[in-house]
Amino acid sequence: MISSEERLKAFQSENHITTKGPLSLVVQFTRMVRDKDFPLNPDDFQTSSKGQVAGLGGANLKKILKEHGITQQLSSEGGRTSRGSMGLMIKYVDFLNAWNAEESVNFSVVEDFWAEQVREYFRNQPFVLTADASKTIGANLDELFDQAKKRQKQNAGTQYLGTVLQHLVAAKLCLILPEDSFEIHGASVADGPTDRNGDFVIGNTVIHCTTMPGALLIEKCRANLRAGCHPVIITIFERVHTALNLAEDAGLAGRVEVWDIQQFLSANVYEHSLFDETKRNSTLSIIIERYNKIVLEAETDPSLRIEFEAR
């Protein structure tokens, strides 16, 4: 006996139901027919003009997804105007009819499956950095980091923000240093197993990337100093004072550099653009291009990519 998940995965694969239009349709159509008598007739689910699938809409889709704990907007139109919706609906009706002929369809299981596919869709979307020239580079970066924070909350146990921060630092370093002058590791690779003193070791400078400075990090900085190295902490703006206070409490005031990632990147963009506003976005896009290359080589999660949009 084929399991419900196997049936649904096969149907999803055969009909390429991975984008927002098709997903919007199957989520709503599943809810629409769960109390209907079989066999289903596709003619019953078409508008009077026969041009669209009846009953689809953004508000309806939002309501269903919210019941599954999904608050992101999948589609404002709910799949109503998506090309191919009518054809997919007819195929879905045939699929459900054939399944019901073999056994009773559990629509709760079916709806849960499609809801999980919606979550997977959102998990695989790249972050977006909108380079709005009316705002500072730091403000644009803040919006990017807010996306990472939000995704992190929606996926417990993940460290999107820290990973984005670390690889953005690596991207900038790649642009200002000779090739192969430092090593780049996946963000989940700890310092210890790779015999590293920090995330990036460049000469006698050791760079630590973190979104949550803590006592363990300060001890690493102390070890760097004992080894004759210069520790640098790069963190998010709101954690700079935390890092400085921890260093001071540990007796390391004035011995550990602490930079925020927003200014670390902004300064580089302005320097390489020679403070020419017209060149700002092109310089920023080069950093993002290098960042995406690093993610491709060092990580397995494609959703860490950043899509660059200039305004």
C-alpha atoms as a PDB file:
ATOM      1  CA  MET A   1       0.000   0.000   0.000  1.00  0.00           C
ATOM      2  CA  ILE A   2       1.423   3.384  -0.995  1.00  0.00           C
ATOM      3  CA  SER A   3       1.537   5.875   1.879  1.00  0.00           C
ATOM      4  CA  SER A   4      -0.258   9.219   1.671  1.00  0.00           C
ATOM      5  CA  GLU A   5       3.049  11.088   1.692  1.00  0.00           C
ATOM      6  CA  GLU A   6       4.437   8.984  -1.157  1.00  0.00           C
ATOM      7  CA  ARG A   7       1.327   9.626  -3.258  1.00  0.00           C
ATOM      8  CA  LEU A   8       1.468  13.347  -2.613  1.00  0.00           C
ATOM      9  CA  LYS A   9       5.202  13.630  -3.244  1.00  0.00           C
ATOM     10  CA  ALA A  10       4.822  11.836  -6.558  1.00  0.00           C
ATOM     11  CA  PHE A  11       1.972  14.142  -7.603  1.00  0.00           C
ATOM     12  CA  GLN A  12       3.954  17.191  -6.479  1.00  0.00           C
ATOM     13  CA  SER A  13       7.017  16.106  -8.448  1.00  0.00           C
ATOM     14  CA  GLU A  14       5.072  15.243 -11.612  1.00  0.00           C
ATOM     15  CA  ASN A  15       3.325  18.617 -11.617  1.00  0.00           C
ATOM     16  CA  HIS A  16       6.154  20.812 -10.316  1.00  0.00           C
ATOM     17  CA  ILE A  17       4.188  22.118  -7.338  1.00  0.00           C
ATOM     18  CA  THR A  18       6.986  24.070  -5.682  1.00  0.00           C
ATOM     19  CA  THR A  19       6.207  27.704  -6.486  1.00  0.00           C
ATOM     20  CA  LYS A  20       3.653  30.006  -4.918  1.00  0.00           C
ATOM     21  CA  GLY A  21       0.936  29.760  -7.611  1.00  0.00           C
ATOM     22  CA  PRO A  22       0.555  25.962  -7.632  1.00  0.00           C
ATOM     23  CA  LEU A  23       0.989  25.743  -3.852  1.00  0.00           C
ATOM     24  CA  SER A  24      -1.701  28.377  -3.340  1.00  0.00           C
ATOM     25  CA  LEU A  25      -4.102  26.344  -5.459  1.00  0.00           C
ATOM     26  CA  VAL A  26      -3.591  22.922  -3.858  1.00  0.00           C
ATOM     27  CA  VAL A  27      -3.771  24.311  -0.317  1.00  0.00           C
ATOM     28  CA  GLN A  28      -7.130  25.983  -0.961  1.00  0.00           C
ATOM     29  CA  PHE A  29      -8.555  23.269  -3.187  1.00  0.00           C
ATOM     30  CA  THR A  30      -7.808  20.634  -0.539  1.00  0.00           C
ATOM     31  CA  ARG A  31      -9.827  22.618   1.986  1.00  0.00           C
ATOM     32  CA  MET A  32     -12.553  23.251  -0.591  1.00  0.00           C
ATOM     33  CA  VAL A  33     -13.242  19.578  -1.382  1.00  0.00           C
ATOM     34  CA  ARG A  34     -12.681  17.871   1.949  1.00  0.00           C
ATOM     35  CA  ASP A  35     -16.427  17.580   2.601  1.00  0.00           C
ATOM     36  CA  LYS A  36     -17.482  16.981  -0.999  1.00  0.00           C
ATOM     37  CA  ASP A  37     -18.877  13.715  -2.350  1.00  0.00           C
ATOM     38  CA  PHE A  38     -16.737  11.642  -4.689  1.00  0.00           C
ATOM     39  CA  PRO A  39     -16.134  11.426  -7.541  1.00  0.00           C
ATOM     40  CA  LEU A  40     -15.325  15.117  -7.900  1.00  0.00           C
ATOM     41  CA  ASN A  41     -16.302  16.905 -11.114  1.00  0.00           C
ATOM     42  CA  PRO A  42     -13.817  19.616 -12.240  1.00  0.00           C
ATOM     43  CA  ASP A  43     -16.669  21.554 -13.889  1.00  0.00           C
ATOM     44  CA  ASP A  44     -18.055  22.268 -10.412  1.00  0.00           C
ATOM     45  CA  PHE A  45     -14.961  24.292  -9.487  1.00  0.00           C
ATOM     46  CA  GLN A  46     -14.781  26.704 -12.383  1.00  0.00           C
ATOM     47  CA  THR A  47     -16.063  30.268 -12.560  1.00  0.00           C
ATOM     48  CA  SER A  48     -19.019  30.996 -14.819  1.00  0.00           C
ATOM     49  CA  SER A  49     -16.653  32.241 -17.509  1.00  0.00           C
ATOM     50  CA  LYS A  50     -14.692  28.981 -17.238  1.00  0.00           C
ATOM     51  CA  GLY A  51     -11.534  31.077 -17.093  1.00  0.00           C
ATOM     52  CA  GLN A  52     -10.548  30.647 -13.464  1.00  0.00           C
ATOM     53  CA  VAL A  53     -10.787  28.204 -10.594  1.00  0.00           C
ATOM     54  CA  ALA A  54     -13.640  29.302  -8.351  1.00  0.00           C
ATOM     55  CA  GLY A  55     -13.142  30.011  -4.665  1.00  0.00           C
ATOM     56  CA  LEU A  56      -9.454  30.999  -4.750  1.00  0.00           C
ATOM     57  CA  GLY A  57      -8.327  34.219  -3.090  1.00  0.00           C
ATOM     58  CA  GLY A  58      -5.585  35.796  -1.045  1.00  0.00           C
ATOM     59  CA  ALA A  59      -7.677  36.215   2.105  1.00  0.00           C
ATOM     60  CA  ASN A  60      -8.837  32.588   2.012  1.00  0.00           C
ATOM     61  CA  LEU A  61      -5.288  31.331   1.526  1.00  0.00           C
ATOM     62  CA  LYS A  62      -3.986  33.498   4.358  1.00  0.00           C
ATOM     63  CA  LYS A  63      -6.694  32.155   6.704  1.00  0.00           C
ATOM     64  CA  ILE A  64      -5.861  28.512   5.942  1.00  0.00           C
ATOM     65  CA  LEU A  65      -2.111  28.971   6.286  1.00  0.00           C
ATOM     66  CA  LYS A  66      -2.539  30.858   9.556  1.00  0.00           C
ATOM     67  CA  GLU A  67      -4.272  27.774  10.991  1.00  0.00           C
ATOM     68  CA  HIS A  68      -1.024  25.931  10.254  1.00  0.00           C
ATOM     69  CA  GLY A  69       1.086  28.612  11.960  1.00  0.00           C
ATOM     70  CA  ILE A  70       2.261  30.199   8.694  1.00  0.00           C
ATOM     71  CA  THR A  71       1.995  33.982   8.758  1.00  0.00           C
ATOM     72  CA  GLN A  72       4.031  34.922   5.667  1.00  0.00           C
ATOM     73  CA  GLN A  73       2.063  35.933   2.587  1.00  0.00           C
ATOM     74  CA  LEU A  74       2.357  33.253  -0.073  1.00  0.00           C
ATOM     75  CA  SER A  75       0.254  34.981  -2.732  1.00  0.00           C
ATOM     76  CA  SER A  76      -1.943  38.076  -2.599  1.00  0.00           C
ATOM     77  CA  GLU A  77      -4.114  36.633  -5.377  1.00  0.00           C
ATOM     78  CA  GLY A  78      -4.252  33.177  -3.815  1.00  0.00           C
ATOM     79  CA  GLY A  79      -3.373  31.518  -7.116  1.00  0.00           C
ATOM     80  CA  ARG A  80      -6.530  32.796  -8.781  1.00  0.00           C
ATOM     81  CA  THR A  81      -4.747  34.440 -11.702  1.00  0.00           C
ATOM     82  CA  SER A  82      -1.759  32.095 -11.944  1.00  0.00           C
ATOM     83  CA  ARG A  83      -1.138  30.656 -15.372  1.00  0.00           C
ATOM     84  CA  GLY A  84      -1.854  26.940 -15.391  1.00  0.00           C
ATOM     85  CA  SER A  85      -4.158  26.939 -12.354  1.00  0.00           C
ATOM     86  CA  MET A  86      -7.090  25.505 -14.303  1.00  0.00           C
ATOM     87  CA  GLY A  87      -5.029  22.664 -15.745  1.00  0.00           C
ATOM     88  CA  LEU A  88      -3.528  21.851 -12.355  1.00  0.00           C
ATOM     89  CA  MET A  89      -6.965  21.832 -10.732  1.00  0.00           C
ATOM     90  CA  ILE A  90      -8.222  19.284 -13.264  1.00  0.00           C
ATOM     91  CA  LYS A  91      -5.165  17.079 -12.701  1.00  0.00           C
ATOM     92  CA  TYR A  92      -5.613  17.363  -8.933  1.00  0.00           C
ATOM     93  CA  VAL A  93      -9.271  16.321  -9.241  1.00  0.00           C
ATOM     94  CA  ASP A  94      -8.238  13.269 -11.287  1.00  0.00           C
ATOM     95  CA  PHE A  95      -5.543  12.454  -8.711  1.00  0.00           C
ATOM     96  CA  LEU A  96      -7.947  12.692  -5.756  1.00  0.00           C
ATOM     97  CA  ASN A  97     -10.632  10.673  -7.573  1.00  0.00           C
ATOM     98  CA  ALA A  98      -8.183   7.867  -8.354  1.00  0.00           C
ATOM     99  CA  TRP A  99      -6.902   7.886  -4.777  1.00  0.00           C
ATOM    100  CA  ASN A 100     -10.421   7.811  -3.328  1.00  0.00           C
ATOM    101  CA  ALA A 101     -11.292   4.870  -5.582  1.00  0.00           C
ATOM    102  CA  GLU A 102      -8.577   2.876  -3.780  1.00  0.00           C
ATOM    103  CA  GLU A 103      -9.095   4.166  -0.237  1.00  0.00           C
ATOM    104  CA  SER A 104     -10.697   7.020   1.658  1.00  0.00           C
ATOM    105  CA  VAL A 105      -8.614  10.184   1.442  1.00  0.00           C
ATOM    106  CA  ASN A 106      -7.617  11.722   4.793  1.00  0.00           C
ATOM    107  CA  PHE A 107      -7.795  15.423   3.940  1.00  0.00           C
ATOM    108  CA  SER A 108      -6.241  16.495   7.247  1.00  0.00           C
ATOM    109  CA  VAL A 109      -3.092  14.590   6.260  1.00  0.00           C
ATOM    110  CA  VAL A 110      -3.233  16.052   2.758  1.00  0.00           C
ATOM    111  CA  GLU A 111      -3.583  19.628   4.016  1.00  0.00           C
ATOM    112  CA  ASP A 112      -0.750  19.148   6.521  1.00  0.00           C
ATOM    113  CA  PHE A 113       1.463  17.905   3.684  1.00  0.00           C
ATOM    114  CA  TRP A 114       0.814  20.962   1.521  1.00  0.00           C
ATOM    115  CA  ALA A 115       1.301  23.304   4.486  1.00  0.00           C
ATOM    116  CA  GLU A 116       4.730  21.762   5.028  1.00  0.00           C
ATOM    117  CA  GLN A 117       5.555  22.339   1.365  1.00  0.00           C
ATOM    118  CA  VAL A 118       4.663  26.011   1.849  1.00  0.00           C
ATOM    119  CA  ARG A 119       7.043  26.166   4.808  1.00  0.00           C
ATOM    120  CA  GLU A 120       9.725  24.570   2.647  1.00  0.00           C
ATOM    121  CA  TYR A 121       9.068  27.177  -0.047  1.00  0.00           C
ATOM    122  CA  PHE A 122       9.689  29.991   2.425  1.00  0.00           C
ATOM    123  CA  ARG A 123      12.743  28.241   3.870  1.00  0.00           C
ATOM    124  CA  ASN A 124      14.307  28.092   0.397  1.00  0.00           C
ATOM    125  CA  GLN A 125      13.745  31.720  -0.539  1.00  0.00           C
ATOM    126  CA  PRO A 126      16.895  33.863  -0.653  1.00  0.00           C
ATOM    127  CA  PHE A 127      17.264  36.902   1.535  1.00  0.00           C
ATOM    128  CA  VAL A 128      16.819  40.221  -0.261  1.00  0.00           C
ATOM    129  CA  LEU A 129      19.116  43.211   0.127  1.00  0.00           C
ATOM    130  CA  THR A 130      17.338  46.243  -1.267  1.00  0.00           C
ATOM    131  CA  ALA A 131      19.893  48.953  -1.964  1.00  0.00           C
ATOM    132  CA  ASP A 132      17.671  51.969  -1.469  1.00  0.00           C
ATOM    133  CA  ALA A 133      19.773  55.038  -2.285  1.00  0.00           C
ATOM    134  CA  SER A 134      17.477  57.219  -0.147  1.00  0.00           C
ATOM    135  CA  LYS A 135      18.684  55.322   2.947  1.00  0.00           C
ATOM    136  CA  THR A 136      22.089  54.720   4.449  1.00  0.00           C
ATOM    137  CA  ILE A 137      23.923  51.500   3.678  1.00  0.00           C
ATOM    138  CA  GLY A 138      23.592  50.623   7.355  1.00  0.00           C
ATOM    139  CA  ALA A 139      19.799  50.989   7.179  1.00  0.00           C
ATOM    140  CA  ASN A 140      19.654  48.741   4.107  1.00  0.00           C
ATOM    141  CA  LEU A 141      21.764  46.149   5.901  1.00  0.00           C
ATOM    142  CA  ASP A 142      19.524  46.376   8.971  1.00  0.00           C
ATOM    143  CA  GLU A 143      16.562  45.342   6.811  1.00  0.00           C
ATOM    144  CA  LEU A 144      18.563  42.374   5.542  1.00  0.00           C
ATOM    145  CA  PHE A 145      19.491  41.327   9.071  1.00  0.00           C
ATOM    146  CA  ASP A 146      15.854  41.683  10.178  1.00  0.00           C
ATOM    147  CA  GLN A 147      14.938  39.084   7.536  1.00  0.00           C
ATOM    148  CA  ALA A 148      17.548  36.716   8.971  1.00  0.00           C
ATOM    149  CA  LYS A 149      16.279  37.291  12.517  1.00  0.00           C
ATOM    150  CA  LYS A 150      12.686  36.623  11.455  1.00  0.00           C
ATOM    151  CA  ARG A 151      13.593  33.418   9.624  1.00  0.00           C
ATOM    152  CA  GLN A 152      15.619  32.311  12.625  1.00  0.00           C
ATOM    153  CA  LYS A 153      12.558  32.680  14.867  1.00  0.00           C
ATOM    154  CA  GLN A 154      10.435  30.691  12.422  1.00  0.00           C
ATOM    155  CA  ASN A 155      12.976  27.846  12.268  1.00  0.00           C
ATOM    156  CA  ALA A 156      14.035  26.928  15.782  1.00  0.00           C
ATOM    157  CA  GLY A 157      17.629  25.831  16.182  1.00  0.00           C
ATOM    158  CA  THR A 158      18.946  27.706  13.146  1.00  0.00           C
ATOM    159  CA  GLN A 159      21.525  30.513  13.153  1.00  0.00           C
ATOM    160  CA  TYR A 160      20.734  32.435   9.987  1.00  0.00           C
ATOM    161  CA  LEU A 161      21.846  35.820  11.307  1.00  0.00           C
ATOM    162  CA  GLY A 162      25.236  34.623  12.498  1.00  0.00           C
ATOM    163  CA  THR A 163      25.874  32.776   9.246  1.00  0.00           C
ATOM    164  CA  VAL A 164      24.966  35.794   7.103  1.00  0.00           C
ATOM    165  CA  LEU A 165      27.173  38.028   9.247  1.00  0.00           C
ATOM    166  CA  GLN A 166      30.176  35.703   9.049  1.00  0.00           C
ATOM    167  CA  HIS A 167      30.018  35.237   5.277  1.00  0.00           C
ATOM    168  CA  LEU A 168      29.494  38.956   4.629  1.00  0.00           C
ATOM    169  CA  VAL A 169      32.681  39.588   6.595  1.00  0.00           C
ATOM    170  CA  ALA A 170      34.430  36.929   4.499  1.00  0.00           C
ATOM    171  CA  ALA A 171      33.121  38.536   1.301  1.00  0.00           C
ATOM    172  CA  LYS A 172      34.534  41.922   2.236  1.00  0.00           C
ATOM    173  CA  LEU A 173      37.882  40.417   3.256  1.00  0.00           C
ATOM    174  CA  CYS A 174      38.085  38.622  -0.101  1.00  0.00           C
ATOM    175  CA  LEU A 175      37.814  41.953  -1.894  1.00  0.00           C
ATOM    176  CA  ILE A 176      40.560  43.717   0.049  1.00  0.00           C
ATOM    177  CA  LEU A 177      43.074  40.906   0.610  1.00  0.00           C
ATOM    178  CA  PRO A 178      45.165  38.800  -1.781  1.00  0.00           C
ATOM    179  CA  GLU A 179      43.637  35.486  -2.846  1.00  0.00           C
ATOM    180  CA  ASP A 180      44.200  32.560  -0.439  1.00  0.00           C
ATOM    181  CA  SER A 181      45.452  34.866   2.327  1.00  0.00           C
ATOM    182  CA  PHE A 182      42.940  33.391   4.804  1.00  0.00           C
ATOM    183  CA  GLU A 183      40.667  30.362   5.132  1.00  0.00           C
ATOM    184  CA  ILE A 184      36.883  30.363   4.860  1.00  0.00           C
ATOM    185  CA  HIS A 185      34.843  27.751   6.709  1.00  0.00           C
ATOM    186  CA  GLY A 186      31.151  26.956   6.983  1.00  0.00           C
ATOM    187  CA  ALA A 187      29.495  28.945   9.745  1.00  0.00           C
ATOM    188  CA  SER A 188      28.676  25.766  11.690  1.00  0.00           C
ATOM    189  CA  VAL A 189      32.328  24.687  11.817  1.00  0.00           C
ATOM    190  CA  ALA A 190      33.674  25.350  15.297  1.00  0.00           C
ATOM    191  CA  ASP A 191      37.094  26.919  15.840  1.00  0.00           C
ATOM    192  CA  GLY A 192      38.469  24.023  17.884  1.00  0.00           C
ATOM    193  CA  PRO A 193      38.255  21.108  15.394  1.00  0.00           C
ATOM    194  CA  THR A 194      39.986  23.183  12.709  1.00  0.00           C
ATOM    195  CA  ASP A 195      42.783  24.444  15.000  1.00  0.00           C
ATOM    196  CA  ARG A 196      41.685  28.016  14.411  1.00  0.00           C
ATOM    197  CA  ASN A 197      42.009  30.840  16.907  1.00  0.00           C
ATOM    198  CA  GLY A 198      38.929  32.549  15.472  1.00  0.00           C
ATOM    199  CA  ASP A 199      36.701  32.744  12.416  1.00  0.00           C
ATOM    200  CA  PHE A 200      39.399  34.428  10.319  1.00  0.00           C
ATOM    201  CA  VAL A 201      43.116  34.519  11.012  1.00  0.00           C
ATOM    202  CA  ILE A 202      45.025  37.087   8.976  1.00  0.00           C
ATOM    203  CA  GLY A 203      48.646  37.462   9.988  1.00  0.00           C
ATOM    204  CA  ASN A 204      48.560  38.124  13.712  1.00  0.00           C
ATOM    205  CA  THR A 205      45.011  39.495  13.616  1.00  0.00           C
ATOM    206  CA  VAL A 206      42.202  37.159  14.688  1.00  0.00           C
ATOM    207  CA  ILE A 207      38.619  38.071  13.722  1.00  0.00           C
ATOM    208  CA  HIS A 208      35.668  36.689  15.680  1.00  0.00           C
ATOM    209  CA  CYS A 209      32.167  36.996  14.165  1.00  0.00           C
ATOM    210  CA  THR A 210      29.218  36.760  16.537  1.00  0.00           C
ATOM    211  CA  THR A 211      25.687  38.013  17.095  1.00  0.00           C
ATOM    212  CA  MET A 212      25.794  37.140  20.807  1.00  0.00           C
ATOM    213  CA  PRO A 213      29.098  38.091  22.484  1.00  0.00           C
ATOM    214  CA  GLY A 214      29.624  36.056  25.654  1.00  0.00           C
ATOM    215  CA  ALA A 215      32.179  35.010  28.237  1.00  0.00           C
ATOM    216  CA  LEU A 216      33.530  32.164  26.078  1.00  0.00           C
ATOM    217  CA  LEU A 217      34.326  34.591  23.262  1.00  0.00           C
ATOM    218  CA  ILE A 218      36.150  36.908  25.653  1.00  0.00           C
ATOM    219  CA  GLU A 219      38.260  33.968  26.840  1.00  0.00           C
ATOM    220  CA  LYS A 220      39.172  33.248  23.222  1.00  0.00           C
ATOM    221  CA  CYS A 221      40.262  36.875  22.898  1.00  0.00           C
ATOM    222  CA  ARG A 222      42.368  36.511  26.035  1.00  0.00           C
ATOM    223  CA  ALA A 223      44.005  33.419  24.519  1.00  0.00           C
ATOM    224  CA  ASN A 224      44.664  35.407  21.316  1.00  0.00           C
ATOM    225  CA  LEU A 225      46.406  38.111  23.315  1.00  0.00           C
ATOM    226  CA  ARG A 226      48.530  35.578  25.197  1.00  0.00           C
ATOM    227  CA  ALA A 227      49.617  34.182  21.822  1.00  0.00           C
ATOM    228  CA  GLY A 228      50.688  37.643  20.678  1.00  0.00           C
ATOM    229  CA  CYS A 229      47.691  38.168  18.386  1.00  0.00           C
ATOM    230  CA  HIS A 230      45.279  41.074  18.058  1.00  0.00           C
ATOM    231  CA  PRO A 231      41.614  40.023  18.550  1.00  0.00           C
ATOM    232  CA  VAL A 232      38.807  41.768  16.672  1.00  0.00           C
ATOM    233  CA  ILE A 233      35.125  41.147  17.384  1.00  0.00           C
ATOM    234  CA  ILE A 234      32.614  41.907  14.625  1.00  0.00           C
ATOM    235  CA  THR A 235      29.002  41.840  15.772  1.00  0.00           C
ATOM    236  CA  ILE A 236      25.656  43.515  15.094  1.00  0.00           C
ATOM    237  CA  PHE A 237      25.265  47.148  16.144  1.00  0.00           C
ATOM    238  CA  GLU A 238      23.096  46.515  19.193  1.00  0.00           C
ATOM    239  CA  ARG A 239      25.654  44.082  20.656  1.00  0.00           C
ATOM    240  CA  VAL A 240      28.715  46.328  20.425  1.00  0.00           C
ATOM    241  CA  HIS A 241      28.323  47.694  23.953  1.00  0.00           C
ATOM    242  CA  THR A 242      27.747  44.181  25.285  1.00  0.00           C
ATOM    243  CA  ALA A 243      31.077  43.060  23.842  1.00  0.00           C
ATOM    244  CA  LEU A 244      32.888  46.152  25.120  1.00  0.00           C
ATOM    245  CA  ASN A 245      31.452  45.710  28.605  1.00  0.00           C
ATOM    246  CA  LEU A 246      32.394  42.023  28.692  1.00  0.00           C
ATOM    247  CA  ALA A 247      35.945  42.869  27.648  1.00  0.00           C
ATOM    248  CA  GLU A 248      36.167  45.558  30.316  1.00  0.00           C
ATOM    249  CA  ASP A 249      34.819  43.221  33.013  1.00  0.00           C
ATOM    250  CA  ALA A 250      37.468  40.669  32.005  1.00  0.00           C
ATOM    251  CA  GLY A 251      40.255  43.256  32.342  1.00  0.00           C
ATOM    252  CA  LEU A 252      40.730  43.507  28.571  1.00  0.00           C
ATOM    253  CA  ALA A 253      39.510  47.093  28.073  1.00  0.00           C
ATOM    254  CA  GLY A 254      41.448  48.768  25.285  1.00  0.00           C
ATOM    255  CA  ARG A 255      42.927  45.472  24.103  1.00  0.00           C
ATOM    256  CA  VAL A 256      40.066  44.063  21.987  1.00  0.00           C
ATOM    257  CA  GLU A 257      38.707  45.811  18.907  1.00  0.00           C
ATOM    258  CA  VAL A 258      34.893  45.700  18.607  1.00  0.00           C
ATOM    259  CA  TRP A 259      33.238  46.687  15.323  1.00  0.00           C
ATOM    260  CA  ASP A 260      29.648  46.527  14.174  1.00  0.00           C
ATOM    261  CA  ILE A 261      29.009  44.761  10.865  1.00  0.00           C
ATOM    262  CA  GLN A 262      26.988  47.650   9.449  1.00  0.00           C
ATOM    263  CA  GLN A 263      29.882  50.129   9.666  1.00  0.00           C
ATOM    264  CA  PHE A 264      32.444  47.477   8.765  1.00  0.00           C
ATOM    265  CA  LEU A 265      30.700  46.979   5.412  1.00  0.00           C
ATOM    266  CA  SER A 266      29.566  50.585   4.896  1.00  0.00           C
ATOM    267  CA  ALA A 267      33.088  51.943   5.254  1.00  0.00           C
ATOM    268  CA  ASN A 268      34.347  49.455   2.684  1.00  0.00           C
ATOM    269  CA  VAL A 269      31.626  50.387   0.196  1.00  0.00           C
ATOM    270  CA  TYR A 270      32.339  54.097   0.501  1.00  0.00           C
ATOM    271  CA  GLU A 271      36.104  53.595   0.269  1.00  0.00           C
ATOM    272  CA  HIS A 272      35.923  51.420  -2.838  1.00  0.00           C
ATOM    273  CA  SER A 273      33.385  53.791  -4.407  1.00  0.00           C
ATOM    274  CA  LEU A 274      35.722  56.699  -3.642  1.00  0.00           C
ATOM    275  CA  PHE A 275      32.706  58.273  -1.911  1.00  0.00           C
ATOM    276  CA  ASP A 276      30.937  58.528  -5.265  1.00  0.00           C
ATOM    277  CA  GLU A 277      27.235  57.877  -4.608  1.00  0.00           C
ATOM    278  CA  THR A 278      26.688  56.743  -8.195  1.00  0.00           C
ATOM    279  CA  LYS A 279      29.101  53.851  -7.663  1.00  0.00           C
ATOM    280  CA  ARG A 280      27.770  52.784  -4.263  1.00  0.00           C
ATOM    281  CA  ASN A 281      25.373  50.113  -5.463  1.00  0.00           C
ATOM    282  CA  SER A 282      27.809  48.552  -7.903  1.00  0.00           C
ATOM    283  CA  THR A 283      30.376  48.179  -5.119  1.00  0.00           C
ATOM    284  CA  LEU A 284      27.776  46.697  -2.785  1.00  0.00           C
ATOM    285  CA  SER A 285      26.649  44.266  -5.483  1.00  0.00           C
ATOM    286  CA  ILE A 286      30.231  42.998  -5.825  1.00  0.00           C
ATOM    287  CA  ILE A 287      30.300  42.163  -2.114  1.00  0.00           C
ATOM    288  CA  ILE A 288      26.972  40.311  -2.397  1.00  0.00           C
ATOM    289  CA  GLU A 289      28.191  38.444  -5.467  1.00  0.00           C
ATOM    290  CA  ARG A 290      31.241  37.249  -3.539  1.00  0.00           C
ATOM    291  CA  TYR A 291      29.045  36.403  -0.534  1.00  0.00           C
ATOM    292  CA  ASN A 292      26.830  34.164  -2.702  1.00  0.00           C
ATOM    293  CA  LYS A 293      29.907  32.426  -4.079  1.00  0.00           C
ATOM    294  CA  ILE A 294      31.082  31.719  -0.520  1.00  0.00           C
ATOM    295  CA  VAL A 295      27.657  30.355   0.464  1.00  0.00           C
ATOM    296  CA  LEU A 296      27.661  28.062  -2.572  1.00  0.00           C
ATOM    297  CA  GLU A 297      31.072  26.671  -1.640  1.00  0.00           C
ATOM    298  CA  ALA A 298      30.872  26.572   2.169  1.00  0.00           C
ATOM    299  CA  GLU A 299      27.192  25.901   2.964  1.00  0.00           C
ATOM    300  CA  THR A 300      24.535  23.377   1.976  1.00  0.00           C
ATOM    301  CA  ASP A 301      21.504  25.663   2.499  1.00  0.00           C
ATOM    302  CA  PRO A 302      20.631  27.619  -0.689  1.00  0.00           C
ATOM    303  CA  SER A 303      18.284  29.907   1.241  1.00  0.00           C
ATOM    304  CA  LEU A 304      21.339  31.687   2.662  1.00  0.00           C
ATOM    305  CA  ARG A 305      21.823  33.379  -0.713  1.00  0.00           C
ATOM    306  CA  ILE A 306      21.176  37.099  -0.974  1.00  0.00           C
ATOM    307  CA  GLU A 307      19.300  38.600  -3.895  1.00  0.00           C
ATOM    308  CA  PHE A 308      20.492  42.141  -4.607  1.00  0.00           C
ATOM    309  CA  GLU A 309      17.909  44.737  -5.662  1.00  0.00           C
ATOM    310  CA  ALA A 310      18.991  48.290  -6.457  1.00  0.00           C
ATOM    311  CA  ARG A 311      16.561  51.202  -6.354  1.00  0.00           C
END
